[in-house]
């Protein structure tokens, strides 16, 4: 799978999610078989998820490192923490 195809599938998924109100996705190819995806996802409660994902793209997509950070509403942060 090409990195741009992976990012396009993420964009389709996020655009069909009702509680996501905005997205910003970018990517950098790291030849020959890796890539970095950066995303900011805004939710209906005003909170945001900043995401960085380092991927190996062959033989399939494998996430090596994913760094999520959610900011915004305290209730959204409690939901993430299970509280």
Protein backbone atom coordinates (compact mmCIF):
# COMPACT_ATOMS: atom_id res chain seq x y z
CA UNK A 1 0.00 0.00 0.00
CA UNK A 2 1.25 3.46 -0.83
CA UNK A 3 1.42 6.05 1.93
CA UNK A 4 -0.92 8.42 0.06
CA UNK A 5 -3.49 5.59 -0.16
CA UNK A 6 -3.21 4.99 3.59
CA UNK A 7 -3.73 8.71 4.30
CA UNK A 8 -6.70 8.80 1.92
CA UNK A 9 -8.31 5.88 3.77
CA UNK A 10 -7.80 7.72 7.08
CA UNK A 11 -9.41 10.84 5.61
CA UNK A 12 -12.44 8.83 4.41
CA UNK A 13 -12.82 7.17 7.80
CA UNK A 14 -12.60 10.44 9.70
CA UNK A 15 -14.98 12.28 7.37
CA UNK A 16 -17.63 9.61 7.97
CA UNK A 17 -17.33 9.83 11.77
CA UNK A 18 -20.18 12.00 13.13
CA UNK A 19 -18.36 13.39 16.19
CA UNK A 20 -15.31 14.54 14.19
CA UNK A 21 -15.77 18.16 13.12
CA UNK A 22 -12.40 18.83 11.49
CA UNK A 23 -9.18 17.18 10.39
CA UNK A 24 -5.75 18.18 9.21
CA UNK A 25 -3.59 15.39 7.80
CA UNK A 26 -0.16 15.50 6.24
CA UNK A 27 2.47 12.93 5.47
CA UNK A 28 6.14 12.60 4.64
CA UNK A 29 7.54 9.67 2.71
CA UNK A 30 10.71 8.19 4.16
CA UNK A 31 12.18 6.14 1.30
CA UNK A 32 12.40 3.38 0.54
CA UNK A 33 9.53 1.84 2.60
CA UNK A 34 8.61 4.12 5.51
CA UNK A 35 6.49 7.18 6.15
CA UNK A 36 5.34 9.61 8.80
CA UNK A 37 1.70 10.69 9.15
CA UNK A 38 0.79 13.79 11.16
CA UNK A 39 -2.82 14.55 12.03
CA UNK A 40 -4.89 16.90 14.13
CA UNK A 41 -8.47 15.75 14.66
CA UNK A 42 -11.07 18.10 16.15
CA UNK A 43 -14.07 16.62 17.95
CA UNK A 44 -17.56 18.02 18.47
CA UNK A 45 -16.79 18.87 22.13
CA UNK A 46 -13.91 21.11 21.02
CA UNK A 47 -11.13 18.76 22.07
CA UNK A 48 -8.34 17.82 19.70
CA UNK A 49 -6.25 14.73 19.09
CA UNK A 50 -2.75 15.36 17.77
CA UNK A 51 -1.34 12.20 16.26
CA UNK A 52 2.04 11.21 14.85
CA UNK A 53 2.39 7.77 13.31
CA UNK A 54 5.58 6.26 11.89
CA UNK A 55 4.84 3.46 9.43
CA UNK A 56 6.65 0.72 7.55
CA UNK A 57 4.72 0.13 4.32
CA UNK A 58 6.07 -3.19 3.06
CA UNK A 59 5.04 -6.01 3.05
CA UNK A 60 1.93 -4.43 4.63
CA UNK A 61 1.28 -1.35 6.74
CA UNK A 62 2.88 -1.71 10.17
CA UNK A 63 2.75 1.03 12.78
CA UNK A 64 6.10 1.28 14.55
CA UNK A 65 5.32 4.31 16.68
CA UNK A 66 2.09 6.15 17.38
CA UNK A 67 2.07 9.24 19.59
CA UNK A 68 -1.43 10.49 20.44
CA UNK A 69 -2.05 13.59 22.57
CA UNK A 70 -5.58 14.73 23.28
CA UNK A 71 -6.18 18.29 24.40
CA UNK A 72 -9.29 20.29 25.09
CA UNK A 73 -12.24 19.42 27.27
CA UNK A 74 -11.59 17.81 30.65
CA UNK A 75 -14.50 15.41 30.16
CA UNK A 76 -12.97 14.14 26.92
CA UNK A 77 -9.65 13.59 28.67
CA UNK A 78 -11.39 11.65 31.47
CA UNK A 79 -13.05 9.43 28.85
CA UNK A 80 -9.67 8.60 27.37
CA UNK A 81 -8.26 7.80 30.78
CA UNK A 82 -11.23 5.66 31.74
CA UNK A 83 -12.36 7.97 34.55
